[in-house]
Amino acid sequence: MYHLIKKDILMQKRAMKLSLLLMIFFTFTLSQLELVGYTVAVLAVTYQLALGASSLEDKNNSDKILISLPIKRNIIVLSKYVSVYVYTAYAILFYTLINAIGHLLH
């Protein structure tokens, strides 16, 4: 399962970089909303990364390759759910870091 999550993250290199820019944008635009802005930013980035991973797999037909491997289907599905938690942790970590840097520069 670890390798499937790693595959999803490696496929998303470009999207991860773009999500950093999105979090910087959210930091400056939603900073007055405090907790609501924080929640919106984390959910938006997590949603973007989860949908990006799904669209890349659909585009490359990698689901057919995964099914042909000797991996149980429930492990494949479980890794997709766990990857959403990894994306959420990534968004929380970097949004908090960017927000802290923004407050220090103010």
PDB file of N, CA and C in Angstrom:
ATOM      1  N   MET A   1       0.828  -1.188   0.000  1.00  0.00           N
ATOM      2  CA  MET A   1       0.000   0.000   0.000  1.00  0.00           C
ATOM      3  C   MET A   1       0.872   1.252   0.000  1.00  0.00           C
ATOM      4  N   TYR A   2       1.992   1.193   0.703  1.00  0.00           N
ATOM      5  CA  TYR A   2       2.891   2.343   0.752  1.00  0.00           C
ATOM      6  C   TYR A   2       3.348   2.731  -0.653  1.00  0.00           C
ATOM      7  N   HIS A   3       3.633   1.750  -1.483  1.00  0.00           N
ATOM      8  CA  HIS A   3       4.116   2.025  -2.834  1.00  0.00           C
ATOM      9  C   HIS A   3       3.029   2.638  -3.711  1.00  0.00           C
ATOM     10  N   LEU A   4       1.786   2.274  -3.487  1.00  0.00           N
ATOM     11  CA  LEU A   4       0.695   2.872  -4.256  1.00  0.00           C
ATOM     12  C   LEU A   4       0.497   4.339  -3.882  1.00  0.00           C
ATOM     13  N   ILE A   5       0.641   4.639  -2.592  1.00  0.00           N
ATOM     14  CA  ILE A   5       0.531   6.032  -2.149  1.00  0.00           C
ATOM     15  C   ILE A   5       1.710   6.837  -2.691  1.00  0.00           C
ATOM     16  N   LYS A   6       2.884   6.248  -2.660  1.00  0.00           N
ATOM     17  CA  LYS A   6       4.073   6.905  -3.190  1.00  0.00           C
ATOM     18  C   LYS A   6       3.911   7.173  -4.684  1.00  0.00           C
ATOM     19  N   LYS A   7       3.323   6.222  -5.406  1.00  0.00           N
ATOM     20  CA  LYS A   7       3.070   6.398  -6.841  1.00  0.00           C
ATOM     21  C   LYS A   7       2.152   7.585  -7.087  1.00  0.00           C
ATOM     22  N   ASP A   8       1.095   7.715  -6.278  1.00  0.00           N
ATOM     23  CA  ASP A   8       0.176   8.835  -6.422  1.00  0.00           C
ATOM     24  C   ASP A   8       0.876  10.167  -6.181  1.00  0.00           C
ATOM     25  N   ILE A   9       1.730  10.208  -5.187  1.00  0.00           N
ATOM     26  CA  ILE A   9       2.439  11.445  -4.871  1.00  0.00           C
ATOM     27  C   ILE A   9       3.436  11.791  -5.974  1.00  0.00           C
ATOM     28  N   LEU A  10       4.152  10.790  -6.474  1.00  0.00           N
ATOM     29  CA  LEU A  10       5.121  11.053  -7.534  1.00  0.00           C
ATOM     30  C   LEU A  10       4.449  11.486  -8.835  1.00  0.00           C
ATOM     31  N   MET A  11       3.259  10.984  -9.087  1.00  0.00           N
ATOM     32  CA  MET A  11       2.521  11.399 -10.275  1.00  0.00           C
ATOM     33  C   MET A  11       2.074  12.847 -10.165  1.00  0.00           C
ATOM     34  N   GLN A  12       1.991  13.361  -8.950  1.00  0.00           N
ATOM     35  CA  GLN A  12       1.444  14.683  -8.709  1.00  0.00           C
ATOM     36  C   GLN A  12       2.509  15.759  -8.483  1.00  0.00           C
ATOM     37  N   LYS A  13       3.733  15.559  -8.922  1.00  0.00           N
ATOM     38  CA  LYS A  13       4.800  16.524  -8.659  1.00  0.00           C
ATOM     39  C   LYS A  13       4.412  17.939  -9.089  1.00  0.00           C
ATOM     40  N   ARG A  14       3.920  18.068 -10.294  1.00  0.00           N
ATOM     41  CA  ARG A  14       3.555  19.388 -10.814  1.00  0.00           C
ATOM     42  C   ARG A  14       2.364  19.963 -10.051  1.00  0.00           C
ATOM     43  N   ALA A  15       1.404  19.131  -9.746  1.00  0.00           N
ATOM     44  CA  ALA A  15       0.218  19.601  -9.022  1.00  0.00           C
ATOM     45  C   ALA A  15       0.565  20.029  -7.603  1.00  0.00           C
ATOM     46  N   MET A  16       1.548  19.366  -6.992  1.00  0.00           N
ATOM     47  CA  MET A  16       1.974  19.760  -5.647  1.00  0.00           C
ATOM     48  C   MET A  16       2.596  21.153  -5.671  1.00  0.00           C
ATOM     49  N   LYS A  17       3.382  21.435  -6.694  1.00  0.00           N
ATOM     50  CA  LYS A  17       3.978  22.763  -6.819  1.00  0.00           C
ATOM     51  C   LYS A  17       2.903  23.819  -7.053  1.00  0.00           C
ATOM     52  N   LEU A  18       1.942  23.496  -7.889  1.00  0.00           N
ATOM     53  CA  LEU A  18       0.852  24.441  -8.132  1.00  0.00           C
ATOM     54  C   LEU A  18      -0.010  24.635  -6.885  1.00  0.00           C
ATOM     55  N   SER A  19      -0.134  23.600  -6.077  1.00  0.00           N
ATOM     56  CA  SER A  19      -0.929  23.736  -4.858  1.00  0.00           C
ATOM     57  C   SER A  19      -0.250  24.660  -3.854  1.00  0.00           C
ATOM     58  N   LEU A  20       1.078  24.728  -3.879  1.00  0.00           N
ATOM     59  CA  LEU A  20       1.776  25.691  -3.032  1.00  0.00           C
ATOM     60  C   LEU A  20       1.412  27.121  -3.424  1.00  0.00           C
ATOM     61  N   LEU A  21       1.344  27.370  -4.727  1.00  0.00           N
ATOM     62  CA  LEU A  21       0.924  28.697  -5.184  1.00  0.00           C
ATOM     63  C   LEU A  21      -0.519  28.991  -4.785  1.00  0.00           C
ATOM     64  N   LEU A  22      -1.354  27.985  -4.855  1.00  0.00           N
ATOM     65  CA  LEU A  22      -2.745  28.150  -4.447  1.00  0.00           C
ATOM     66  C   LEU A  22      -2.846  28.451  -2.952  1.00  0.00           C
ATOM     67  N   MET A  23      -2.023  27.806  -2.150  1.00  0.00           N
ATOM     68  CA  MET A  23      -2.036  28.067  -0.710  1.00  0.00           C
ATOM     69  C   MET A  23      -1.517  29.466  -0.391  1.00  0.00           C
ATOM     70  N   ILE A  24      -0.537  29.947  -1.144  1.00  0.00           N
ATOM     71  CA  ILE A  24      -0.066  31.322  -0.951  1.00  0.00           C
ATOM     72  C   ILE A  24      -1.189  32.297  -1.291  1.00  0.00           C
ATOM     73  N   PHE A  25      -1.896  32.035  -2.378  1.00  0.00           N
ATOM     74  CA  PHE A  25      -3.039  32.872  -2.747  1.00  0.00           C
ATOM     75  C   PHE A  25      -4.103  32.867  -1.662  1.00  0.00           C
ATOM     76  N   PHE A  26      -4.426  31.685  -1.144  1.00  0.00           N
ATOM     77  CA  PHE A  26      -5.419  31.588  -0.079  1.00  0.00           C
ATOM     78  C   PHE A  26      -4.966  32.285   1.199  1.00  0.00           C
ATOM     79  N   THR A  27      -3.668  32.250   1.474  1.00  0.00           N
ATOM     80  CA  THR A  27      -3.163  32.892   2.682  1.00  0.00           C
ATOM     81  C   THR A  27      -3.449  34.382   2.658  1.00  0.00           C
ATOM     82  N   PHE A  28      -3.239  35.000   1.508  1.00  0.00           N
ATOM     83  CA  PHE A  28      -3.442  36.442   1.428  1.00  0.00           C
ATOM     84  C   PHE A  28      -4.902  36.836   1.249  1.00  0.00           C
ATOM     85  N   THR A  29      -5.685  36.006   0.580  1.00  0.00           N
ATOM     86  CA  THR A  29      -7.077  36.381   0.334  1.00  0.00           C
ATOM     87  C   THR A  29      -8.026  35.971   1.459  1.00  0.00           C
ATOM     88  N   LEU A  30      -7.737  34.868   2.136  1.00  0.00           N
ATOM     89  CA  LEU A  30      -8.656  34.367   3.151  1.00  0.00           C
ATOM     90  C   LEU A  30      -8.139  34.543   4.578  1.00  0.00           C
ATOM     91  N   SER A  31      -7.119  35.365   4.758  1.00  0.00           N
ATOM     92  CA  SER A  31      -6.527  35.496   6.092  1.00  0.00           C
ATOM     93  C   SER A  31      -7.480  36.177   7.078  1.00  0.00           C
ATOM     94  N   GLN A  32      -8.388  37.011   6.596  1.00  0.00           N
ATOM     95  CA  GLN A  32      -9.325  37.679   7.499  1.00  0.00           C
ATOM     96  C   GLN A  32     -10.408  36.732   8.006  1.00  0.00           C
ATOM     97  N   LEU A  33     -10.632  35.640   7.321  1.00  0.00           N
ATOM     98  CA  LEU A  33     -11.687  34.703   7.718  1.00  0.00           C
ATOM     99  C   LEU A  33     -11.229  33.713   8.784  1.00  0.00           C
ATOM    100  N   GLU A  34      -9.964  33.708   9.110  1.00  0.00           N
ATOM    101  CA  GLU A  34      -9.341  32.869  10.128  1.00  0.00           C
ATOM    102  C   GLU A  34      -9.653  31.389   9.943  1.00  0.00           C
ATOM    103  N   LEU A  35     -10.463  30.791  10.809  1.00  0.00           N
ATOM    104  CA  LEU A  35     -10.688  29.341  10.773  1.00  0.00           C
ATOM    105  C   LEU A  35     -11.430  28.902   9.513  1.00  0.00           C
ATOM    106  N   VAL A  36     -12.375  29.702   9.068  1.00  0.00           N
ATOM    107  CA  VAL A  36     -13.121  29.353   7.853  1.00  0.00           C
ATOM    108  C   VAL A  36     -12.192  29.389   6.640  1.00  0.00           C
ATOM    109  N   GLY A  37     -11.328  30.388   6.564  1.00  0.00           N
ATOM    110  CA  GLY A  37     -10.366  30.473   5.475  1.00  0.00           C
ATOM    111  C   GLY A  37      -9.391  29.315   5.483  1.00  0.00           C
ATOM    112  N   TYR A  38      -8.974  28.927   6.679  1.00  0.00           N
ATOM    113  CA  TYR A  38      -8.070  27.790   6.849  1.00  0.00           C
ATOM    114  C   TYR A  38      -8.736  26.517   6.341  1.00  0.00           C
ATOM    115  N   THR A  39      -9.981  26.315   6.719  1.00  0.00           N
ATOM    116  CA  THR A  39     -10.718  25.119   6.307  1.00  0.00           C
ATOM    117  C   THR A  39     -10.934  25.099   4.796  1.00  0.00           C
ATOM    118  N   VAL A  40     -11.309  26.231   4.234  1.00  0.00           N
ATOM    119  CA  VAL A  40     -11.542  26.308   2.791  1.00  0.00           C
ATOM    120  C   VAL A  40     -10.251  26.015   2.028  1.00  0.00           C
ATOM    121  N   ALA A  41      -9.141  26.584   2.484  1.00  0.00           N
ATOM    122  CA  ALA A  41      -7.871  26.380   1.791  1.00  0.00           C
ATOM    123  C   ALA A  41      -7.443  24.924   1.840  1.00  0.00           C
ATOM    124  N   VAL A  42      -7.544  24.305   2.993  1.00  0.00           N
ATOM    125  CA  VAL A  42      -7.131  22.899   3.126  1.00  0.00           C
ATOM    126  C   VAL A  42      -8.035  21.995   2.296  1.00  0.00           C
ATOM    127  N   LEU A  43      -9.329  22.225   2.346  1.00  0.00           N
ATOM    128  CA  LEU A  43     -10.247  21.398   1.556  1.00  0.00           C
ATOM    129  C   LEU A  43     -10.035  21.585   0.057  1.00  0.00           C
ATOM    130  N   ALA A  44      -9.790  22.814  -0.378  1.00  0.00           N
ATOM    131  CA  ALA A  44      -9.588  23.071  -1.807  1.00  0.00           C
ATOM    132  C   ALA A  44      -8.331  22.380  -2.320  1.00  0.00           C
ATOM    133  N   VAL A  45      -7.249  22.459  -1.562  1.00  0.00           N
ATOM    134  CA  VAL A  45      -6.007  21.833  -2.002  1.00  0.00           C
ATOM    135  C   VAL A  45      -6.135  20.312  -1.979  1.00  0.00           C
ATOM    136  N   THR A  46      -6.756  19.771  -0.942  1.00  0.00           N
ATOM    137  CA  THR A  46      -6.947  18.325  -0.869  1.00  0.00           C
ATOM    138  C   THR A  46      -7.817  17.836  -2.024  1.00  0.00           C
ATOM    139  N   TYR A  47      -8.871  18.557  -2.301  1.00  0.00           N
ATOM    140  CA  TYR A  47      -9.773  18.203  -3.406  1.00  0.00           C
ATOM    141  C   TYR A  47      -9.037  18.264  -4.741  1.00  0.00           C
ATOM    142  N   GLN A  48      -8.237  19.310  -4.925  1.00  0.00           N
ATOM    143  CA  GLN A  48      -7.480  19.459  -6.159  1.00  0.00           C
ATOM    144  C   GLN A  48      -6.515  18.301  -6.359  1.00  0.00           C
ATOM    145  N   LEU A  49      -5.806  17.919  -5.316  1.00  0.00           N
ATOM    146  CA  LEU A  49      -4.832  16.841  -5.432  1.00  0.00           C
ATOM    147  C   LEU A  49      -5.505  15.481  -5.625  1.00  0.00           C
ATOM    148  N   ALA A  50      -6.600  15.236  -4.932  1.00  0.00           N
ATOM    149  CA  ALA A  50      -7.302  13.956  -5.077  1.00  0.00           C
ATOM    150  C   ALA A  50      -7.893  13.814  -6.479  1.00  0.00           C
ATOM    151  N   LEU A  51      -8.513  14.883  -6.984  1.00  0.00           N
ATOM    152  CA  LEU A  51      -9.066  14.815  -8.328  1.00  0.00           C
ATOM    153  C   LEU A  51      -7.975  14.748  -9.382  1.00  0.00           C
ATOM    154  N   GLY A  52      -6.853  15.416  -9.134  1.00  0.00           N
ATOM    155  CA  GLY A  52      -5.738  15.364 -10.072  1.00  0.00           C
ATOM    156  C   GLY A  52      -5.177  13.962 -10.199  1.00  0.00           C
ATOM    157  N   ALA A  53      -5.056  13.271  -9.066  1.00  0.00           N
ATOM    158  CA  ALA A  53      -4.560  11.896  -9.098  1.00  0.00           C
ATOM    159  C   ALA A  53      -5.522  10.997  -9.865  1.00  0.00           C
ATOM    160  N   SER A  54      -6.803  11.178  -9.634  1.00  0.00           N
ATOM    161  CA  SER A  54      -7.797  10.354 -10.330  1.00  0.00           C
ATOM    162  C   SER A  54      -7.792  10.622 -11.831  1.00  0.00           C
ATOM    163  N   SER A  55      -7.677  11.888 -12.209  1.00  0.00           N
ATOM    164  CA  SER A  55      -7.695  12.198 -13.641  1.00  0.00           C
ATOM    165  C   SER A  55      -6.430  11.707 -14.336  1.00  0.00           C
ATOM    166  N   LEU A  56      -5.288  11.776 -13.649  1.00  0.00           N
ATOM    167  CA  LEU A  56      -4.060  11.246 -14.252  1.00  0.00           C
ATOM    168  C   LEU A  56      -4.142   9.739 -14.446  1.00  0.00           C
ATOM    169  N   GLU A  57      -4.709   9.048 -13.485  1.00  0.00           N
ATOM    170  CA  GLU A  57      -4.858   7.599 -13.630  1.00  0.00           C
ATOM    171  C   GLU A  57      -5.832   7.254 -14.742  1.00  0.00           C
ATOM    172  N   ASP A  58      -6.898   8.031 -14.861  1.00  0.00           N
ATOM    173  CA  ASP A  58      -7.870   7.782 -15.918  1.00  0.00           C
ATOM    174  C   ASP A  58      -7.252   8.068 -17.284  1.00  0.00           C
ATOM    175  N   LYS A  59      -6.480   9.131 -17.359  1.00  0.00           N
ATOM    176  CA  LYS A  59      -5.847   9.514 -18.618  1.00  0.00           C
ATOM    177  C   LYS A  59      -4.825   8.483 -19.080  1.00  0.00           C
ATOM    178  N   ASN A  60      -4.069   7.933 -18.143  1.00  0.00           N
ATOM    179  CA  ASN A  60      -3.010   6.986 -18.481  1.00  0.00           C
ATOM    180  C   ASN A  60      -3.444   5.523 -18.427  1.00  0.00           C
ATOM    181  N   ASN A  61      -4.696   5.260 -18.125  1.00  0.00           N
ATOM    182  CA  ASN A  61      -5.233   3.901 -17.996  1.00  0.00           C
ATOM    183  C   ASN A  61      -4.431   3.056 -17.007  1.00  0.00           C
ATOM    184  N   SER A  62      -3.964   3.678 -15.960  1.00  0.00           N
ATOM    185  CA  SER A  62      -3.161   2.932 -14.994  1.00  0.00           C
ATOM    186  C   SER A  62      -4.010   2.036 -14.099  1.00  0.00           C
ATOM    187  N   ASP A  63      -5.323   2.267 -14.060  1.00  0.00           N
ATOM    188  CA  ASP A  63      -6.173   1.379 -13.270  1.00  0.00           C
ATOM    189  C   ASP A  63      -6.186  -0.032 -13.858  1.00  0.00           C
ATOM    190  N   LYS A  64      -6.104  -0.131 -15.168  1.00  0.00           N
ATOM    191  CA  LYS A  64      -6.049  -1.449 -15.807  1.00  0.00           C
ATOM    192  C   LYS A  64      -4.753  -2.166 -15.455  1.00  0.00           C
ATOM    193  N   ILE A  65      -3.676  -1.414 -15.381  1.00  0.00           N
ATOM    194  CA  ILE A  65      -2.383  -2.013 -15.024  1.00  0.00           C
ATOM    195  C   ILE A  65      -2.401  -2.458 -13.569  1.00  0.00           C
ATOM    196  N   LEU A  66      -2.961  -1.626 -12.690  1.00  0.00           N
ATOM    197  CA  LEU A  66      -3.018  -1.975 -11.268  1.00  0.00           C
ATOM    198  C   LEU A  66      -3.840  -3.232 -11.033  1.00  0.00           C
ATOM    199  N   ILE A  67      -4.940  -3.365 -11.749  1.00  0.00           N
ATOM    200  CA  ILE A  67      -5.794  -4.534 -11.575  1.00  0.00           C
ATOM    201  C   ILE A  67      -5.096  -5.801 -12.069  1.00  0.00           C
ATOM    202  N   SER A  68      -4.241  -5.656 -13.080  1.00  0.00           N
ATOM    203  CA  SER A  68      -3.545  -6.834 -13.600  1.00  0.00           C
ATOM    204  C   SER A  68      -2.395  -7.288 -12.694  1.00  0.00           C
ATOM    205  N   LEU A  69      -1.962  -6.440 -11.783  1.00  0.00           N
ATOM    206  CA  LEU A  69      -0.890  -6.813 -10.860  1.00  0.00           C
ATOM    207  C   LEU A  69      -1.433  -7.709  -9.748  1.00  0.00           C
ATOM    208  N   PRO A  70      -0.559  -8.452  -9.085  1.00  0.00           N
ATOM    209  CA  PRO A  70      -1.040  -9.322  -7.995  1.00  0.00           C
ATOM    210  C   PRO A  70      -1.262  -8.544  -6.694  1.00  0.00           C
ATOM    211  N   ILE A  71      -2.115  -7.530  -6.787  1.00  0.00           N
ATOM    212  CA  ILE A  71      -2.480  -6.711  -5.633  1.00  0.00           C
ATOM    213  C   ILE A  71      -3.989  -6.830  -5.472  1.00  0.00           C
ATOM    214  N   LYS A  72      -4.426  -7.050  -4.248  1.00  0.00           N
ATOM    215  CA  LYS A  72      -5.864  -7.166  -4.011  1.00  0.00           C
ATOM    216  C   LYS A  72      -6.536  -5.824  -4.270  1.00  0.00           C
ATOM    217  N   ARG A  73      -7.741  -5.888  -4.759  1.00  0.00           N
ATOM    218  CA  ARG A  73      -8.473  -4.656  -5.083  1.00  0.00           C
ATOM    219  C   ARG A  73      -8.763  -3.819  -3.851  1.00  0.00           C
ATOM    220  N   ASN A  74      -9.003  -4.477  -2.718  1.00  0.00           N
ATOM    221  CA  ASN A  74      -9.282  -3.689  -1.521  1.00  0.00           C
ATOM    222  C   ASN A  74      -8.051  -2.911  -1.065  1.00  0.00           C
ATOM    223  N   ILE A  75      -6.858  -3.403  -1.347  1.00  0.00           N
ATOM    224  CA  ILE A  75      -5.626  -2.667  -1.032  1.00  0.00           C
ATOM    225  C   ILE A  75      -5.511  -1.439  -1.938  1.00  0.00           C
ATOM    226  N   ILE A  76      -5.870  -1.589  -3.196  1.00  0.00           N
ATOM    227  CA  ILE A  76      -5.828  -0.471  -4.136  1.00  0.00           C
ATOM    228  C   ILE A  76      -6.803   0.618  -3.697  1.00  0.00           C
ATOM    229  N   VAL A  77      -8.010   0.231  -3.337  1.00  0.00           N
ATOM    230  CA  VAL A  77      -9.016   1.191  -2.905  1.00  0.00           C
ATOM    231  C   VAL A  77      -8.610   1.838  -1.576  1.00  0.00           C
ATOM    232  N   LEU A  78      -8.096   1.038  -0.668  1.00  0.00           N
ATOM    233  CA  LEU A  78      -7.651   1.568   0.619  1.00  0.00           C
ATOM    234  C   LEU A  78      -6.515   2.573   0.447  1.00  0.00           C
ATOM    235  N   SER A  79      -5.622   2.316  -0.487  1.00  0.00           N
ATOM    236  CA  SER A  79      -4.524   3.255  -0.716  1.00  0.00           C
ATOM    237  C   SER A  79      -5.035   4.583  -1.261  1.00  0.00           C
ATOM    238  N   LYS A  80      -6.115   4.559  -2.039  1.00  0.00           N
ATOM    239  CA  LYS A  80      -6.705   5.803  -2.533  1.00  0.00           C
ATOM    240  C   LYS A  80      -7.290   6.617  -1.374  1.00  0.00           C
ATOM    241  N   TYR A  81      -7.940   5.946  -0.449  1.00  0.00           N
ATOM    242  CA  TYR A  81      -8.493   6.648   0.710  1.00  0.00           C
ATOM    243  C   TYR A  81      -7.392   7.193   1.611  1.00  0.00           C
ATOM    244  N   VAL A  82      -6.349   6.427   1.809  1.00  0.00           N
ATOM    245  CA  VAL A  82      -5.242   6.880   2.659  1.00  0.00           C
ATOM    246  C   VAL A  82      -4.504   8.041   1.993  1.00  0.00           C
ATOM    247  N   SER A  83      -4.411   8.028   0.677  1.00  0.00           N
ATOM    248  CA  SER A  83      -3.732   9.123  -0.011  1.00  0.00           C
ATOM    249  C   SER A  83      -4.466  10.447   0.187  1.00  0.00           C
ATOM    250  N   VAL A  84      -5.777  10.407   0.360  1.00  0.00           N
ATOM    251  CA  VAL A  84      -6.519  11.638   0.659  1.00  0.00           C
ATOM    252  C   VAL A  84      -6.073  12.206   2.009  1.00  0.00           C
ATOM    253  N   TYR A  85      -5.830  11.333   2.982  1.00  0.00           N
ATOM    254  CA  TYR A  85      -5.324  11.793   4.274  1.00  0.00           C
ATOM    255  C   TYR A  85      -3.910  12.354   4.153  1.00  0.00           C
ATOM    256  N   VAL A  86      -3.109  11.767   3.281  1.00  0.00           N
ATOM    257  CA  VAL A  86      -1.760  12.285   3.053  1.00  0.00           C
ATOM    258  C   VAL A  86      -1.829  13.662   2.411  1.00  0.00           C
ATOM    259  N   TYR A  87      -2.722  13.850   1.440  1.00  0.00           N
ATOM    260  CA  TYR A  87      -2.896  15.159   0.808  1.00  0.00           C
ATOM    261  C   TYR A  87      -3.385  16.189   1.823  1.00  0.00           C
ATOM    262  N   THR A  88      -4.269  15.774   2.717  1.00  0.00           N
ATOM    263  CA  THR A  88      -4.770  16.682   3.743  1.00  0.00           C
ATOM    264  C   THR A  88      -3.651  17.090   4.700  1.00  0.00           C
ATOM    265  N   ALA A  89      -2.821  16.141   5.097  1.00  0.00           N
ATOM    266  CA  ALA A  89      -1.693  16.458   5.972  1.00  0.00           C
ATOM    267  C   ALA A  89      -0.726  17.404   5.278  1.00  0.00           C
ATOM    268  N   TYR A  90      -0.482  17.193   3.999  1.00  0.00           N
ATOM    269  CA  TYR A  90       0.372  18.078   3.206  1.00  0.00           C
ATOM    270  C   TYR A  90      -0.208  19.491   3.186  1.00  0.00           C
ATOM    271  N   ALA A  91      -1.507  19.595   2.929  1.00  0.00           N
ATOM    272  CA  ALA A  91      -2.147  20.909   2.863  1.00  0.00           C
ATOM    273  C   ALA A  91      -2.114  21.611   4.215  1.00  0.00           C
ATOM    274  N   ILE A  92      -2.382  20.898   5.283  1.00  0.00           N
ATOM    275  CA  ILE A  92      -2.367  21.492   6.619  1.00  0.00           C
ATOM    276  C   ILE A  92      -0.960  21.975   6.967  1.00  0.00           C
ATOM    277  N   LEU A  93       0.014  21.142   6.714  1.00  0.00           N
ATOM    278  CA  LEU A  93       1.392  21.488   7.048  1.00  0.00           C
ATOM    279  C   LEU A  93       1.860  22.733   6.298  1.00  0.00           C
ATOM    280  N   PHE A  94       1.706  22.731   4.994  1.00  0.00           N
ATOM    281  CA  PHE A  94       2.221  23.843   4.211  1.00  0.00           C
ATOM    282  C   PHE A  94       1.375  25.100   4.357  1.00  0.00           C
ATOM    283  N   TYR A  95       0.070  24.973   4.515  1.00  0.00           N
ATOM    284  CA  TYR A  95      -0.749  26.173   4.719  1.00  0.00           C
ATOM    285  C   TYR A  95      -0.406  26.819   6.054  1.00  0.00           C
ATOM    286  N   THR A  96      -0.199  26.015   7.091  1.00  0.00           N
ATOM    287  CA  THR A  96       0.188  26.557   8.387  1.00  0.00           C
ATOM    288  C   THR A  96       1.549  27.228   8.299  1.00  0.00           C
ATOM    289  N   LEU A  97       2.478  26.606   7.596  1.00  0.00           N
ATOM    290  CA  LEU A  97       3.807  27.177   7.428  1.00  0.00           C
ATOM    291  C   LEU A  97       3.755  28.494   6.653  1.00  0.00           C
ATOM    292  N   ILE A  98       3.030  28.530   5.560  1.00  0.00           N
ATOM    293  CA  ILE A  98       2.914  29.749   4.754  1.00  0.00           C
ATOM    294  C   ILE A  98       2.195  30.836   5.540  1.00  0.00           C
ATOM    295  N   ASN A  99       1.174  30.463   6.294  1.00  0.00           N
ATOM    296  CA  ASN A  99       0.443  31.427   7.105  1.00  0.00           C
ATOM    297  C   ASN A  99       1.340  32.014   8.192  1.00  0.00           C
ATOM    298  N   ALA A 100       2.171  31.183   8.816  1.00  0.00           N
ATOM    299  CA  ALA A 100       3.090  31.665   9.850  1.00  0.00           C
ATOM    300  C   ALA A 100       4.121  32.622   9.253  1.00  0.00           C
ATOM    301  N   ILE A 101       4.630  32.308   8.082  1.00  0.00           N
ATOM    302  CA  ILE A 101       5.590  33.192   7.412  1.00  0.00           C
ATOM    303  C   ILE A 101       4.905  34.510   7.056  1.00  0.00           C
ATOM    304  N   GLY A 102       3.663  34.430   6.609  1.00  0.00           N
ATOM    305  CA  GLY A 102       2.903  35.653   6.298  1.00  0.00           C
ATOM    306  C   GLY A 102       2.706  36.536   7.513  1.00  0.00           C
ATOM    307  N   HIS A 103       2.428  35.930   8.654  1.00  0.00           N
ATOM    308  CA  HIS A 103       2.247  36.711   9.882  1.00  0.00           C
ATOM    309  C   HIS A 103       3.567  37.310  10.359  1.00  0.00           C
ATOM    310  N   LEU A 104       4.672  36.603  10.159  1.00  0.00           N
ATOM    311  CA  LEU A 104       5.974  37.136  10.540  1.00  0.00           C
ATOM    312  C   LEU A 104       6.371  38.331   9.673  1.00  0.00           C
ATOM    313  N   LEU A 105       6.011  38.294   8.400  1.00  0.00           N
ATOM    314  CA  LEU A 105       6.341  39.387   7.501  1.00  0.00           C
ATOM    315  C   LEU A 105       5.451  40.602   7.686  1.00  0.00           C
ATOM    316  N   HIS A 106       4.295  40.418   8.278  1.00  0.00           N
ATOM    317  CA  HIS A 106       3.403  41.538   8.541  1.00  0.00           C
ATOM    318  C   HIS A 106       4.036  42.365   9.624  1.00  0.00           C
TER     319      HIS A 106
END
